[in-house]
Amino acid sequence: MSFLHRQTRQGEVEPTDPSPWVGLRQEIGKFLEGVVREPLEGVAWPFRAHGKWSPPVEILDSDDAVLIRAEVPGVDPAGMDVTIADGRLVIAGHKSQPDRPEACEVCRCEVCYGAFRRSIPLPDDVDIEGIDASCRHGVLSLRVPKQRPAAAQKVHVKVAT
């Protein structure tokens, strides 16, 4: 008995096992997809959903900076667009699907391809002019420095009598 599934050209998965359990599993999957995916349609998932994907991130907050790491393996750094708008850091880009030999069938594909966009809210005290970014080994690393608070000044105010 085989539990492999074959992906069709339309992206649907087709079972290779004629067991009656496969039909039940598909029906349960459709039901859960309707219950979970539809109410949460606006949520950015780190995995493929209707051809869209979002890279997983790690966000660290220290006294002097916010550190953000996004996993973007296979994405050309030159094609990524990193911007800041309305207090949010936005990472966007595209991961191209490699060419596959025509004689091969896809048995399983857990890799996400296509356009992505990830929006991360930033705290108010960051210095957006001083951001450092690098991409090595499929990890985009951003360091967003925090602004130093103005030195507290002591001012004496003379009150007139």
C-alpha atoms as a PDB file:
ATOM      1  CA  MET A   1       0.000   0.000   0.000  1.00  0.00           C
ATOM      2  CA  SER A   2       1.479   3.356  -1.033  1.00  0.00           C
ATOM      3  CA  PHE A   3       0.841   6.644   0.732  1.00  0.00           C
ATOM      4  CA  LEU A   4       2.555   8.758  -1.908  1.00  0.00           C
ATOM      5  CA  HIS A   5       0.560  11.411  -3.659  1.00  0.00           C
ATOM      6  CA  ARG A   6       1.134  12.724  -7.144  1.00  0.00           C
ATOM      7  CA  GLN A   7       0.823  16.435  -7.873  1.00  0.00           C
ATOM      8  CA  THR A   8      -1.156  17.213 -11.032  1.00  0.00           C
ATOM      9  CA  ARG A   9      -0.338  20.100 -13.356  1.00  0.00           C
ATOM     10  CA  GLN A  10      -3.078  22.228 -11.763  1.00  0.00           C
ATOM     11  CA  GLY A  11      -1.376  21.884  -8.378  1.00  0.00           C
ATOM     12  CA  GLU A  12      -3.947  19.460  -6.966  1.00  0.00           C
ATOM     13  CA  VAL A  13      -2.782  16.366  -5.187  1.00  0.00           C
ATOM     14  CA  GLU A  14      -4.058  13.038  -6.436  1.00  0.00           C
ATOM     15  CA  PRO A  15      -3.761   9.862  -4.358  1.00  0.00           C
ATOM     16  CA  THR A  16      -1.987   6.810  -5.752  1.00  0.00           C
ATOM     17  CA  ASP A  17      -3.651   4.607  -3.099  1.00  0.00           C
ATOM     18  CA  PRO A  18      -7.160   3.360  -4.047  1.00  0.00           C
ATOM     19  CA  SER A  19      -8.010   2.720  -0.371  1.00  0.00           C
ATOM     20  CA  PRO A  20     -11.440   3.998   0.794  1.00  0.00           C
ATOM     21  CA  TRP A  21      -9.626   5.869   3.573  1.00  0.00           C
ATOM     22  CA  VAL A  22      -8.105   8.216   1.003  1.00  0.00           C
ATOM     23  CA  GLY A  23     -11.530   9.618   0.087  1.00  0.00           C
ATOM     24  CA  LEU A  24     -12.388  10.153   3.736  1.00  0.00           C
ATOM     25  CA  ARG A  25      -9.037  11.858   4.315  1.00  0.00           C
ATOM     26  CA  GLN A  26      -9.683  14.198   1.355  1.00  0.00           C
ATOM     27  CA  GLU A  27     -13.174  15.077   2.608  1.00  0.00           C
ATOM     28  CA  ILE A  28     -11.863  15.825   6.106  1.00  0.00           C
ATOM     29  CA  GLY A  29      -9.080  17.948   4.552  1.00  0.00           C
ATOM     30  CA  LYS A  30     -11.600  19.974   2.514  1.00  0.00           C
ATOM     31  CA  PHE A  31     -13.763  20.498   5.599  1.00  0.00           C
ATOM     32  CA  LEU A  32     -10.846  21.636   7.762  1.00  0.00           C
ATOM     33  CA  GLU A  33      -9.581  23.910   5.001  1.00  0.00           C
ATOM     34  CA  GLY A  34     -12.954  25.649   4.899  1.00  0.00           C
ATOM     35  CA  VAL A  35     -13.161  25.952   8.676  1.00  0.00           C
ATOM     36  CA  VAL A  36      -9.590  27.139   9.261  1.00  0.00           C
ATOM     37  CA  ARG A  37      -8.395  28.881   6.098  1.00  0.00           C
ATOM     38  CA  GLU A  38     -11.450  30.979   5.232  1.00  0.00           C
ATOM     39  CA  PRO A  39     -11.803  32.804   8.602  1.00  0.00           C
ATOM     40  CA  LEU A  40      -8.041  33.361   8.725  1.00  0.00           C
ATOM     41  CA  GLU A  41      -7.641  34.400   5.073  1.00  0.00           C
ATOM     42  CA  GLY A  42      -5.858  37.672   5.961  1.00  0.00           C
ATOM     43  CA  VAL A  43      -3.279  36.025   8.228  1.00  0.00           C
ATOM     44  CA  ALA A  44       0.237  35.799   6.751  1.00  0.00           C
ATOM     45  CA  TRP A  45       1.131  32.119   6.899  1.00  0.00           C
ATOM     46  CA  PRO A  46       4.766  30.996   6.533  1.00  0.00           C
ATOM     47  CA  PHE A  47       3.664  28.153   4.261  1.00  0.00           C
ATOM     48  CA  ARG A  48       1.986  27.946   0.876  1.00  0.00           C
ATOM     49  CA  ALA A  49      -1.645  29.002   0.759  1.00  0.00           C
ATOM     50  CA  HIS A  50      -3.255  29.525  -2.626  1.00  0.00           C
ATOM     51  CA  GLY A  51       0.171  30.004  -4.228  1.00  0.00           C
ATOM     52  CA  LYS A  52       1.324  32.660  -1.754  1.00  0.00           C
ATOM     53  CA  TRP A  53       4.004  32.244   0.857  1.00  0.00           C
ATOM     54  CA  SER A  54       5.774  34.275   3.456  1.00  0.00           C
ATOM     55  CA  PRO A  55       9.309  33.707   4.754  1.00  0.00           C
ATOM     56  CA  PRO A  56       9.601  32.794   8.432  1.00  0.00           C
ATOM     57  CA  VAL A  57      11.263  35.474  10.548  1.00  0.00           C
ATOM     58  CA  GLU A  58      13.060  35.830  13.857  1.00  0.00           C
ATOM     59  CA  ILE A  59      12.795  39.219  15.569  1.00  0.00           C
ATOM     60  CA  LEU A  60      15.067  40.148  18.478  1.00  0.00           C
ATOM     61  CA  ASP A  61      14.803  43.336  20.527  1.00  0.00           C
ATOM     62  CA  SER A  62      17.828  44.701  22.382  1.00  0.00           C
ATOM     63  CA  ASP A  63      18.541  48.009  24.114  1.00  0.00           C
ATOM     64  CA  ASP A  64      20.200  49.519  21.040  1.00  0.00           C
ATOM     65  CA  ALA A  65      18.596  47.768  18.031  1.00  0.00           C
ATOM     66  CA  VAL A  66      15.926  45.509  16.597  1.00  0.00           C
ATOM     67  CA  LEU A  67      17.406  42.498  14.801  1.00  0.00           C
ATOM     68  CA  ILE A  68      15.351  40.785  12.109  1.00  0.00           C
ATOM     69  CA  ARG A  69      16.288  37.584  10.297  1.00  0.00           C
ATOM     70  CA  ALA A  70      14.188  36.189   7.454  1.00  0.00           C
ATOM     71  CA  GLU A  71      14.757  32.801   5.858  1.00  0.00           C
ATOM     72  CA  VAL A  72      14.782  33.315   2.083  1.00  0.00           C
ATOM     73  CA  PRO A  73      16.704  30.354   0.609  1.00  0.00           C
ATOM     74  CA  GLY A  74      16.870  30.379  -3.164  1.00  0.00           C
ATOM     75  CA  VAL A  75      15.865  34.055  -3.419  1.00  0.00           C
ATOM     76  CA  ASP A  76      18.230  36.366  -5.293  1.00  0.00           C
ATOM     77  CA  PRO A  77      19.131  39.206  -2.869  1.00  0.00           C
ATOM     78  CA  ALA A  78      19.311  41.645  -5.795  1.00  0.00           C
ATOM     79  CA  GLY A  79      15.643  40.951  -6.512  1.00  0.00           C
ATOM     80  CA  MET A  80      14.436  41.570  -2.962  1.00  0.00           C
ATOM     81  CA  ASP A  81      12.783  44.853  -2.075  1.00  0.00           C
ATOM     82  CA  VAL A  82      13.154  46.008   1.543  1.00  0.00           C
ATOM     83  CA  THR A  83      11.258  49.186   2.403  1.00  0.00           C
ATOM     84  CA  ILE A  84       9.880  51.028   5.406  1.00  0.00           C
ATOM     85  CA  ALA A  85       6.466  52.616   5.203  1.00  0.00           C
ATOM     86  CA  ASP A  86       3.998  53.668   7.891  1.00  0.00           C
ATOM     87  CA  GLY A  87       6.140  52.252  10.714  1.00  0.00           C
ATOM     88  CA  ARG A  88       6.446  48.827   9.068  1.00  0.00           C
ATOM     89  CA  LEU A  89       9.414  47.035   7.534  1.00  0.00           C
ATOM     90  CA  VAL A  90       8.304  45.302   4.334  1.00  0.00           C
ATOM     91  CA  ILE A  91      10.308  42.503   2.710  1.00  0.00           C
ATOM     92  CA  ALA A  92       9.137  41.505  -0.772  1.00  0.00           C
ATOM     93  CA  GLY A  93      10.558  39.368  -3.533  1.00  0.00           C
ATOM     94  CA  HIS A  94      10.136  36.320  -5.727  1.00  0.00           C
ATOM     95  CA  LYS A  95      11.460  32.759  -5.611  1.00  0.00           C
ATOM     96  CA  SER A  96      11.587  31.162  -9.038  1.00  0.00           C
ATOM     97  CA  GLN A  97      10.793  27.508  -9.527  1.00  0.00           C
ATOM     98  CA  PRO A  98      13.705  25.656 -11.140  1.00  0.00           C
ATOM     99  CA  ASP A  99      13.201  23.887 -14.466  1.00  0.00           C
ATOM    100  CA  ARG A 100      12.264  20.229 -14.135  1.00  0.00           C
ATOM    101  CA  PRO A 101      12.872  17.551 -16.736  1.00  0.00           C
ATOM    102  CA  GLU A 102       9.639  16.819 -18.641  1.00  0.00           C
ATOM    103  CA  ALA A 103       9.981  13.067 -18.108  1.00  0.00           C
ATOM    104  CA  CYS A 104       9.690  13.475 -14.317  1.00  0.00           C
ATOM    105  CA  GLU A 105       6.533  13.487 -12.228  1.00  0.00           C
ATOM    106  CA  VAL A 106       6.410  15.443  -8.990  1.00  0.00           C
ATOM    107  CA  CYS A 107       5.769  13.006  -6.146  1.00  0.00           C
ATOM    108  CA  ARG A 108       6.031  15.620  -3.425  1.00  0.00           C
ATOM    109  CA  CYS A 109       6.866  19.307  -3.342  1.00  0.00           C
ATOM    110  CA  GLU A 110       7.179  21.030   0.023  1.00  0.00           C
ATOM    111  CA  VAL A 111       9.135  24.003  -1.318  1.00  0.00           C
ATOM    112  CA  CYS A 112       7.294  27.289  -1.830  1.00  0.00           C
ATOM    113  CA  TYR A 113       7.765  29.320  -5.002  1.00  0.00           C
ATOM    114  CA  GLY A 114       6.412  32.587  -6.292  1.00  0.00           C
ATOM    115  CA  ALA A 115       6.043  36.102  -4.974  1.00  0.00           C
ATOM    116  CA  PHE A 116       6.181  36.856  -1.262  1.00  0.00           C
ATOM    117  CA  ARG A 117       5.649  39.866   0.972  1.00  0.00           C
ATOM    118  CA  ARG A 118       6.262  40.083   4.705  1.00  0.00           C
ATOM    119  CA  SER A 119       5.315  43.140   6.766  1.00  0.00           C
ATOM    120  CA  ILE A 120       6.791  43.633  10.246  1.00  0.00           C
ATOM    121  CA  PRO A 121       5.736  46.454  12.596  1.00  0.00           C
ATOM    122  CA  LEU A 122       8.619  48.463  14.046  1.00  0.00           C
ATOM    123  CA  PRO A 123       8.738  50.279  17.389  1.00  0.00           C
ATOM    124  CA  ASP A 124       8.518  54.079  17.347  1.00  0.00           C
ATOM    125  CA  ASP A 125      12.065  54.648  18.626  1.00  0.00           C
ATOM    126  CA  VAL A 126      14.006  53.205  15.644  1.00  0.00           C
ATOM    127  CA  ASP A 127      16.422  55.093  13.394  1.00  0.00           C
ATOM    128  CA  ILE A 128      15.295  54.110   9.893  1.00  0.00           C
ATOM    129  CA  GLU A 129      18.229  55.958   8.308  1.00  0.00           C
ATOM    130  CA  GLY A 130      20.779  53.663   9.970  1.00  0.00           C
ATOM    131  CA  ILE A 131      19.510  50.222   8.904  1.00  0.00           C
ATOM    132  CA  ASP A 132      22.128  47.629   7.952  1.00  0.00           C
ATOM    133  CA  ALA A 133      21.139  44.665   5.771  1.00  0.00           C
ATOM    134  CA  SER A 134      22.960  41.602   4.488  1.00  0.00           C
ATOM    135  CA  CYS A 135      21.968  38.287   2.953  1.00  0.00           C
ATOM    136  CA  ARG A 136      24.153  35.214   3.471  1.00  0.00           C
ATOM    137  CA  HIS A 137      23.372  31.537   3.028  1.00  0.00           C
ATOM    138  CA  GLY A 138      19.679  32.225   2.405  1.00  0.00           C
ATOM    139  CA  VAL A 139      19.163  34.365   5.515  1.00  0.00           C
ATOM    140  CA  LEU A 140      18.343  38.067   5.218  1.00  0.00           C
ATOM    141  CA  SER A 141      19.651  39.878   8.318  1.00  0.00           C
ATOM    142  CA  LEU A 142      18.573  43.413   9.186  1.00  0.00           C
ATOM    143  CA  ARG A 143      19.779  45.543  12.080  1.00  0.00           C
ATOM    144  CA  VAL A 144      17.508  48.481  12.817  1.00  0.00           C
ATOM    145  CA  PRO A 145      19.209  50.774  15.360  1.00  0.00           C
ATOM    146  CA  LYS A 146      17.206  52.527  18.017  1.00  0.00           C
ATOM    147  CA  GLN A 147      17.484  56.280  18.434  1.00  0.00           C
ATOM    148  CA  ARG A 148      19.276  57.429  21.513  1.00  0.00           C
ATOM    149  CA  PRO A 149      16.940  59.353  23.794  1.00  0.00           C
ATOM    150  CA  ALA A 150      17.799  63.009  24.139  1.00  0.00           C
ATOM    151  CA  ALA A 151      19.820  63.735  27.243  1.00  0.00           C
ATOM    152  CA  ALA A 152      17.610  64.911  30.029  1.00  0.00           C
ATOM    153  CA  GLN A 153      18.263  68.522  30.712  1.00  0.00           C
ATOM    154  CA  LYS A 154      17.597  70.199  33.977  1.00  0.00           C
ATOM    155  CA  VAL A 155      16.053  73.592  33.510  1.00  0.00           C
ATOM    156  CA  HIS A 156      15.203  76.011  36.291  1.00  0.00           C
ATOM    157  CA  VAL A 157      12.163  78.106  35.655  1.00  0.00           C
ATOM    158  CA  LYS A 158      11.902  81.346  37.554  1.00  0.00           C
ATOM    159  CA  VAL A 159       8.383  81.985  38.743  1.00  0.00           C
ATOM    160  CA  ALA A 160       7.339  85.638  38.895  1.00  0.00           C
ATOM    161  CA  THR A 161       5.663  86.851  42.060  1.00  0.00           C
END
